[in-house]
Amino acid sequence: MNSIDDTGEMRVEEWPDDDLEPVTTCPVCGDERRNALYTGLTDRVFGCAPGRWSLHRCIGCGSAFLDPRPTENTIGRAYNDYYTHSTAPGSTSEVRRLWRAVSAGYLNRAFHLEYQQAFAIGTVLVALVPRLRRRARRRARHLVLPTRGARLLDVGCGSGAFVAEARVAGWDAEGIDVDQSGVDAGQAAGRHVRLGRIDDGTVLDGLYDAITLSHVIEHVHDPASILIACAKKLQPGGVLWVATPDLDSLGHRWFGRDWVHLDPPRHLLLFTVGSLSSLITSAGFEELDVLAAPSDAEQSFAASHALRLGLRPFVGVPTPARVRIAAAVADMRIHATGRRSDEVIVTARKPLAS
C-alpha cells in the first residue's frame, strides 16, 4: 500500500515485475501505433494499489491503455479497498425518497417497469425536464421491461446494488462478479449475486433478455471476449447496455492526468464513444445507440481538483469558485449536446438471426 513518508511525500511501493505483462497492441482495436499519454501515474483514488503506471493512447481508435499492466492473476491486489465491497444504502433523506418515487412514476410509464412506490406526477414532471429525464433513465439503465420477470444479468455487479434495484422494478435480475469480497457482501445482504465470470462456462447461452456492464469493461484484460460472451448469453433480440468513462470528456480535457476516472491500475483501458461503439459492433451486435448520459461534472471536477492538490477525492475537500464555475459550464455544454459527460453509455441488440 502507498504511504506518506516523514517529509510528507507519497512513498509508492512498486508492483513486482514478475506480476506485470507487456501490452504490445491496443486491447481494443489491435493497432500497434500509439503515443504516450501519461507516465508515472499512481493509485491516488483508493491508495491501495502499488506501482507507477504509463498510459498510452492508440493512434488507430483513440482508446488509452496501460503498458505494462498487472496480470489477470495479480490484478486483484488493486481492489483491496474498493467501493463495491460495501452494501451501505444511499442517502435516505426526504428529498431522495421523493425523487425516487417521482422518477419511478416516469420509469413505470416510459420503460414498462413495476415500481410499487411511484408517484404518477413523475410521468409528466420528469418527462418535461431534460436533466431529470436523463437521470431517471440512467437509474433504469435505459432498459424497457419486455415482460414481467424478464431475465437480466448484471456483469461486474459488485455487491449487487443494481440487481436489487432491478428486481424491485420487475426484472428477474441476478449478478455475477469476480470480486469475492463484493459478492460476499451482496450475499450477506440477501442479494441475488454470485462469484464467477460470464465466460467461465457456468452461464447458460441464450438465457437473458438484457445484460448490463456498468463501469466494468475498462477493468478487463480482453474486452472483446467479454462482449462476445455477452452476445452468446443473450436471447436473440436481447439488449446489451454498457457504461464506461469517456476519455474525450470535458472533465478529462480540463484536468488531464488528475482526472479522477483515470484510476490506474484498476482502469486498464479507457474508451472514446467511437472506440466503444466499434468494439461492440465487432462483437456481433446491431442497432447500436449512444445515449445521452447525465452529467456529474460537479462531483467529478471536485474530486479531480482534490487529486490535483495531492489530496484524496470524495472526502469533502473545499472546491474553489473557479472549479465550481467550470463544472457548471461543463454541465451546460453536456446537457445541450448530450456528449462529453464523464460517462459514455451505449446500448445494442443481439441480432434476431445470426
Protein backbone atom coordinates (compact mmCIF):
# COMPACT_ATOMS: atom_id res chain seq x y z
CA MET A 1 0.00 0.00 0.00
CA ASN A 2 1.23 3.51 -0.77
CA SER A 3 2.00 5.74 2.21
CA ILE A 4 3.27 9.17 3.25
CA ASP A 5 6.90 9.40 4.41
CA ASP A 6 8.38 11.70 7.07
CA THR A 7 8.82 14.55 4.56
CA GLY A 8 5.15 14.48 3.55
CA GLU A 9 5.88 12.94 0.17
CA MET A 10 3.96 9.96 -1.21
CA ARG A 11 6.03 6.77 -0.96
CA VAL A 12 4.92 4.42 -3.73
CA GLU A 13 5.60 0.72 -3.45
CA GLU A 14 6.39 -0.98 -6.75
CA TRP A 15 4.26 -3.58 -8.45
CA PRO A 16 6.54 -6.66 -8.78
CA ASP A 17 7.99 -7.05 -12.27
CA ASP A 18 7.04 -10.72 -12.37
CA ASP A 19 3.41 -9.73 -11.91
CA LEU A 20 3.35 -7.40 -14.91
CA GLU A 21 2.70 -8.11 -18.57
CA PRO A 22 3.52 -6.04 -21.67
CA VAL A 23 0.78 -4.73 -23.94
CA THR A 24 2.21 -4.54 -27.46
CA THR A 25 -1.02 -3.74 -29.32
CA CYS A 26 -4.17 -1.83 -28.44
CA PRO A 27 -6.54 -4.15 -26.49
CA VAL A 28 -9.49 -2.51 -28.28
CA CYS A 29 -8.51 -2.48 -31.97
CA GLY A 30 -5.16 -4.28 -32.16
CA ASP A 31 -3.24 -1.35 -33.64
CA GLU A 32 0.46 -1.18 -32.76
CA ARG A 33 0.69 2.60 -33.15
CA ARG A 34 0.49 4.70 -30.00
CA ASN A 35 1.54 7.87 -28.25
CA ALA A 36 2.50 8.20 -24.59
CA LEU A 37 -0.35 9.98 -22.81
CA TYR A 38 0.81 10.00 -19.17
CA THR A 39 3.69 8.42 -17.26
CA GLY A 40 4.29 7.98 -13.56
CA LEU A 41 0.61 7.60 -12.65
CA THR A 42 -0.18 6.17 -9.22
CA ASP A 43 -3.27 5.00 -7.36
CA ARG A 44 -4.43 8.26 -5.80
CA VAL A 45 -8.15 7.42 -5.64
CA PHE A 46 -8.16 4.46 -3.22
CA GLY A 47 -4.46 4.43 -2.37
CA CYS A 48 -4.32 0.65 -2.04
CA ALA A 49 -2.52 -0.37 -5.26
CA PRO A 50 1.27 -0.17 -5.54
CA GLY A 51 3.13 0.80 -8.70
CA ARG A 52 3.70 3.61 -11.17
CA TRP A 53 1.86 3.35 -14.46
CA SER A 54 2.15 4.56 -18.04
CA LEU A 55 -0.97 5.25 -20.09
CA HIS A 56 -0.69 5.15 -23.88
CA ARG A 57 -3.18 6.40 -26.47
CA CYS A 58 -3.88 4.31 -29.55
CA ILE A 59 -3.44 6.22 -32.80
CA GLY A 60 -5.88 3.89 -34.53
CA CYS A 61 -9.02 4.07 -32.35
CA GLY A 62 -8.24 6.72 -29.73
CA SER A 63 -8.54 4.40 -26.72
CA ALA A 64 -5.93 4.56 -23.96
CA PHE A 65 -4.36 1.60 -22.19
CA LEU A 66 -1.77 0.75 -19.55
CA ASP A 67 1.54 -0.74 -20.65
CA PRO A 68 2.76 -2.64 -18.80
CA ARG A 69 -0.23 -3.74 -16.77
CA PRO A 70 -0.92 -6.19 -13.92
CA THR A 71 -1.57 -9.76 -15.00
CA GLU A 72 -5.02 -11.27 -14.58
CA ASN A 73 -3.72 -13.39 -11.71
CA THR A 74 -2.39 -10.41 -9.76
CA ILE A 75 -4.80 -7.53 -10.56
CA GLY A 76 -6.90 -8.46 -7.53
CA ARG A 77 -4.48 -6.73 -5.16
CA ALA A 78 -5.60 -3.40 -6.65
CA TYR A 79 -9.09 -3.95 -5.20
CA ASN A 80 -8.29 -4.43 -1.52
CA ASP A 81 -10.19 -1.28 -0.55
CA TYR A 82 -12.66 -0.92 -3.42
CA TYR A 83 -16.11 0.68 -3.17
CA THR A 84 -18.07 -2.34 -4.48
CA HIS A 85 -17.36 -4.14 -1.21
CA SER A 86 -19.99 -2.06 0.56
CA THR A 87 -23.72 -2.68 0.76
CA ALA A 88 -24.44 0.51 2.67
CA PRO A 89 -27.58 2.18 1.33
CA GLY A 90 -27.50 5.60 -0.23
CA SER A 91 -28.93 8.67 1.39
CA THR A 92 -32.41 8.15 2.85
CA SER A 93 -33.23 11.85 3.02
CA GLU A 94 -36.77 13.01 2.32
CA VAL A 95 -35.55 14.66 -0.89
CA ARG A 96 -34.01 11.40 -2.13
CA ARG A 97 -37.12 9.38 -1.25
CA LEU A 98 -39.27 11.92 -3.06
CA TRP A 99 -37.02 11.80 -6.12
CA ARG A 100 -37.13 8.01 -6.24
CA ALA A 101 -40.92 7.96 -6.10
CA VAL A 102 -41.27 10.70 -8.73
CA SER A 103 -38.74 9.14 -11.09
CA ALA A 104 -40.35 5.72 -10.58
CA GLY A 105 -43.63 7.13 -11.85
CA TYR A 106 -41.90 8.24 -15.04
CA LEU A 107 -39.99 4.96 -15.44
CA ASN A 108 -43.09 2.83 -14.97
CA ARG A 109 -44.68 4.58 -17.93
CA ALA A 110 -41.59 5.04 -20.14
CA PHE A 111 -39.97 1.62 -19.61
CA HIS A 112 -42.94 -0.52 -18.54
CA LEU A 113 -41.39 -1.07 -15.12
CA GLU A 114 -43.27 -2.11 -12.00
CA TYR A 115 -42.07 0.07 -9.13
CA GLN A 116 -44.68 -0.03 -6.38
CA GLN A 117 -43.63 3.20 -4.66
CA ALA A 118 -44.21 5.57 -7.56
CA PHE A 119 -45.88 8.98 -7.97
CA ALA A 120 -47.90 9.34 -11.14
CA ILE A 121 -46.97 13.03 -11.38
CA GLY A 122 -43.48 11.88 -12.32
CA THR A 123 -44.83 10.79 -15.70
CA VAL A 124 -45.26 14.45 -16.62
CA LEU A 125 -42.74 16.23 -14.42
CA VAL A 126 -39.69 14.14 -15.31
CA ALA A 127 -40.64 13.96 -18.98
CA LEU A 128 -40.66 17.76 -19.23
CA VAL A 129 -37.24 18.38 -17.64
CA PRO A 130 -34.31 17.00 -19.68
CA ARG A 131 -31.92 16.97 -16.71
CA LEU A 132 -34.35 14.91 -14.61
CA ARG A 133 -35.23 12.70 -17.55
CA ARG A 134 -31.61 11.73 -18.18
CA ARG A 135 -31.02 10.97 -14.53
CA ALA A 136 -34.16 8.85 -14.27
CA ARG A 137 -33.35 6.90 -17.44
CA ARG A 138 -29.84 6.21 -16.14
CA ARG A 139 -31.39 4.79 -12.95
CA ALA A 140 -33.18 2.17 -15.07
CA ARG A 141 -30.17 1.73 -17.35
CA HIS A 142 -32.44 2.73 -20.23
CA LEU A 143 -33.94 -0.77 -20.34
CA VAL A 144 -37.54 -1.47 -21.28
CA LEU A 145 -39.01 -4.41 -19.35
CA PRO A 146 -40.29 -6.66 -22.16
CA THR A 147 -42.42 -8.89 -19.91
CA ARG A 148 -42.83 -9.34 -16.19
CA GLY A 149 -39.96 -11.46 -14.88
CA ALA A 150 -37.74 -11.00 -17.93
CA ARG A 151 -34.20 -12.12 -17.12
CA LEU A 152 -31.37 -9.63 -16.60
CA LEU A 153 -27.72 -10.29 -15.79
CA ASP A 154 -25.53 -7.57 -14.31
CA VAL A 155 -21.90 -8.41 -15.14
CA GLY A 156 -19.45 -6.99 -12.62
CA CYS A 157 -22.28 -6.48 -10.15
CA GLY A 158 -20.12 -5.80 -7.09
CA SER A 159 -22.29 -6.20 -4.04
CA GLY A 160 -25.44 -6.18 -6.18
CA ALA A 161 -26.99 -2.74 -5.67
CA PHE A 162 -28.38 -2.59 -9.20
CA VAL A 163 -29.53 -6.22 -9.04
CA ALA A 164 -31.68 -5.31 -6.03
CA GLU A 165 -32.94 -2.19 -7.83
CA ALA A 166 -33.84 -4.13 -10.99
CA ARG A 167 -35.73 -6.79 -9.06
CA VAL A 168 -37.85 -4.10 -7.40
CA ALA A 169 -38.57 -2.74 -10.89
CA GLY A 170 -39.88 -6.08 -12.15
CA TRP A 171 -36.85 -7.84 -13.63
CA ASP A 172 -35.76 -11.34 -12.68
CA ALA A 173 -32.27 -9.97 -12.11
CA GLU A 174 -29.08 -11.58 -10.93
CA GLY A 175 -25.45 -10.56 -10.83
CA ILE A 176 -22.02 -12.07 -11.34
CA ASP A 177 -18.62 -10.73 -10.29
CA VAL A 178 -15.02 -11.89 -9.85
CA ASP A 179 -14.61 -9.92 -6.61
CA GLN A 180 -15.06 -12.30 -3.70
CA SER A 181 -15.42 -9.50 -1.14
CA GLY A 182 -18.11 -7.71 -3.14
CA VAL A 183 -20.07 -10.91 -3.74
CA ASP A 184 -19.80 -11.92 -0.09
CA ALA A 185 -21.19 -8.54 0.94
CA GLY A 186 -24.06 -8.83 -1.53
CA GLN A 187 -24.97 -12.36 -0.47
CA ALA A 188 -24.88 -11.33 3.18
CA ALA A 189 -27.44 -8.66 2.27
CA GLY A 190 -29.66 -11.28 0.59
CA ARG A 191 -28.99 -10.16 -2.96
CA HIS A 192 -29.02 -12.48 -5.99
CA VAL A 193 -25.30 -12.36 -6.80
CA ARG A 194 -22.62 -14.98 -7.23
CA LEU A 195 -18.91 -15.33 -7.89
CA GLY A 196 -17.82 -16.02 -11.45
CA ARG A 197 -17.20 -14.71 -14.96
CA ILE A 198 -19.59 -14.52 -17.86
CA ASP A 199 -17.15 -16.50 -19.99
CA ASP A 200 -16.30 -19.24 -17.44
CA GLY A 201 -18.83 -21.77 -18.77
CA THR A 202 -21.24 -21.51 -15.84
CA VAL A 203 -23.63 -19.04 -17.50
CA LEU A 204 -26.07 -20.64 -19.95
CA ASP A 205 -26.23 -19.43 -23.54
CA GLY A 206 -29.33 -17.61 -24.76
CA LEU A 207 -30.77 -17.15 -21.29
CA TYR A 208 -31.09 -13.38 -20.80
CA ASP A 209 -33.24 -10.61 -22.16
CA ALA A 210 -30.73 -7.96 -21.05
CA ILE A 211 -27.12 -7.84 -19.90
CA THR A 212 -25.59 -4.77 -18.30
CA LEU A 213 -21.98 -3.75 -17.63
CA SER A 214 -21.72 -0.57 -15.57
CA HIS A 215 -18.11 0.65 -15.36
CA VAL A 216 -16.79 -2.86 -15.88
CA ILE A 217 -15.29 -3.06 -19.36
CA GLU A 218 -12.46 -0.66 -18.50
CA HIS A 219 -11.31 -3.17 -15.86
CA VAL A 220 -10.96 -6.27 -18.08
CA HIS A 221 -7.91 -7.52 -19.93
CA ASP A 222 -9.75 -8.71 -23.04
CA PRO A 223 -12.86 -6.57 -23.59
CA ALA A 224 -13.69 -8.14 -26.96
CA SER A 225 -14.02 -11.62 -25.45
CA ILE A 226 -16.31 -10.32 -22.72
CA LEU A 227 -18.65 -8.69 -25.27
CA ILE A 228 -18.67 -11.82 -27.43
CA ALA A 229 -19.59 -13.85 -24.34
CA CYS A 230 -22.40 -11.40 -23.61
CA ALA A 231 -23.77 -11.94 -27.12
CA LYS A 232 -23.83 -15.70 -26.54
CA LYS A 233 -25.69 -15.39 -23.25
CA LEU A 234 -28.40 -13.11 -24.64
CA GLN A 235 -31.55 -14.33 -26.32
CA PRO A 236 -31.94 -13.28 -29.97
CA GLY A 237 -33.05 -9.66 -29.83
CA GLY A 238 -31.68 -9.26 -26.30
CA VAL A 239 -30.20 -5.92 -25.23
CA LEU A 240 -26.66 -5.11 -24.14
CA TRP A 241 -26.09 -1.97 -22.01
CA VAL A 242 -22.57 -0.68 -21.39
CA ALA A 243 -21.38 2.38 -19.45
CA THR A 244 -17.75 3.40 -19.05
CA PRO A 245 -15.67 6.58 -18.56
CA ASP A 246 -15.36 8.75 -21.69
CA LEU A 247 -11.74 9.64 -22.44
CA ASP A 248 -12.98 12.60 -24.51
CA SER A 249 -14.99 14.03 -21.61
CA LEU A 250 -14.79 17.66 -20.60
CA GLY A 251 -13.53 16.52 -17.21
CA HIS A 252 -10.51 14.80 -18.76
CA ARG A 253 -9.85 17.77 -21.02
CA TRP A 254 -9.86 20.11 -18.00
CA PHE A 255 -7.84 18.02 -15.52
CA GLY A 256 -5.61 15.81 -17.67
CA ARG A 257 -3.54 13.43 -15.55
CA ASP A 258 -5.54 14.49 -12.46
CA TRP A 259 -8.86 13.32 -13.91
CA VAL A 260 -10.40 11.07 -11.28
CA HIS A 261 -11.55 8.45 -13.80
CA LEU A 262 -8.03 7.54 -14.95
CA ASP A 263 -7.84 5.41 -11.76
CA PRO A 264 -4.75 3.28 -12.51
CA PRO A 265 -4.17 0.39 -12.32
CA ARG A 266 -7.82 -0.68 -11.95
CA HIS A 267 -8.73 1.01 -15.22
CA LEU A 268 -6.65 -0.98 -17.66
CA LEU A 269 -8.09 0.92 -20.62
CA LEU A 270 -10.29 3.90 -21.36
CA PHE A 271 -12.64 4.32 -24.32
CA THR A 272 -13.98 7.01 -26.56
CA VAL A 273 -17.51 6.94 -27.96
CA GLY A 274 -16.14 5.78 -31.29
CA SER A 275 -13.86 3.04 -29.98
CA LEU A 276 -16.51 1.57 -27.67
CA SER A 277 -19.10 1.63 -30.43
CA SER A 278 -16.74 -0.08 -32.85
CA LEU A 279 -15.84 -2.80 -30.35
CA ILE A 280 -19.49 -3.56 -29.59
CA THR A 281 -20.33 -3.74 -33.28
CA SER A 282 -17.39 -6.06 -33.98
CA ALA A 283 -18.68 -8.40 -31.23
CA GLY A 284 -21.77 -9.03 -33.36
CA PHE A 285 -24.30 -6.51 -32.01
CA GLU A 286 -26.55 -4.26 -34.10
CA GLU A 287 -28.94 -1.32 -33.57
CA LEU A 288 -26.26 0.47 -31.59
CA ASP A 289 -27.38 3.63 -29.80
CA VAL A 290 -25.15 6.14 -27.99
CA LEU A 291 -27.26 7.60 -25.20
CA ALA A 292 -27.18 10.98 -23.51
CA ALA A 293 -25.62 10.48 -20.10
CA PRO A 294 -26.50 12.61 -17.10
CA SER A 295 -23.70 14.94 -16.09
CA ASP A 296 -21.93 14.66 -12.77
CA ALA A 297 -19.43 17.40 -13.55
CA GLU A 298 -19.76 18.98 -10.12
CA GLN A 299 -18.73 15.79 -8.33
CA SER A 300 -16.11 14.82 -10.92
CA PHE A 301 -14.49 18.27 -11.03
CA ALA A 302 -14.39 18.44 -7.22
CA ALA A 303 -12.75 15.00 -6.97
CA SER A 304 -10.25 15.75 -9.73
CA HIS A 305 -9.41 19.08 -8.12
CA ALA A 306 -8.63 17.26 -4.87
CA LEU A 307 -6.27 14.94 -6.74
CA ARG A 308 -4.58 17.95 -8.31
CA LEU A 309 -3.93 19.24 -4.79
CA GLY A 310 -2.47 15.88 -3.76
CA LEU A 311 -5.49 15.03 -1.60
CA ARG A 312 -7.85 12.07 -1.57
CA PRO A 313 -11.10 12.64 -3.52
CA PHE A 314 -14.63 12.34 -2.16
CA VAL A 315 -13.71 13.47 1.36
CA GLY A 316 -15.23 16.93 1.43
CA VAL A 317 -12.29 18.96 0.18
CA PRO A 318 -13.45 22.59 -0.37
CA THR A 319 -13.83 23.35 -4.07
CA PRO A 320 -12.86 26.87 -5.20
CA ALA A 321 -15.32 29.02 -7.09
CA ARG A 322 -13.41 28.81 -10.38
CA VAL A 323 -13.69 25.00 -10.36
CA ARG A 324 -17.40 25.13 -9.49
CA ILE A 325 -17.95 27.59 -12.34
CA ALA A 326 -16.04 25.35 -14.75
CA ALA A 327 -18.18 22.40 -13.66
CA ALA A 328 -21.37 24.42 -14.19
CA VAL A 329 -20.24 25.42 -17.68
CA ALA A 330 -19.37 21.80 -18.44
CA ASP A 331 -22.80 20.74 -17.21
CA MET A 332 -24.50 23.22 -19.53
CA ARG A 333 -22.48 22.01 -22.51
CA ILE A 334 -23.17 18.39 -21.70
CA HIS A 335 -26.90 18.94 -21.29
CA ALA A 336 -27.04 20.96 -24.52
CA THR A 337 -25.24 18.38 -26.64
CA GLY A 338 -25.74 15.08 -24.82
CA ARG A 339 -21.99 14.44 -25.20
CA ARG A 340 -18.68 14.87 -23.35
CA SER A 341 -20.02 13.68 -20.00
CA ASP A 342 -17.60 11.67 -17.86
CA GLU A 343 -19.60 8.64 -18.93
CA VAL A 344 -20.35 7.15 -22.33
CA ILE A 345 -23.40 4.88 -22.44
CA VAL A 346 -24.17 2.55 -25.34
CA THR A 347 -26.97 0.08 -25.93
CA ALA A 348 -27.05 -2.52 -28.68
CA ARG A 349 -29.10 -5.54 -29.62
CA LYS A 350 -28.24 -9.14 -30.45
CA PRO A 351 -29.50 -9.94 -33.97
CA LEU A 352 -32.68 -11.97 -34.17
CA ALA A 353 -30.94 -14.36 -36.54
CA SER A 354 -27.23 -14.98 -36.95
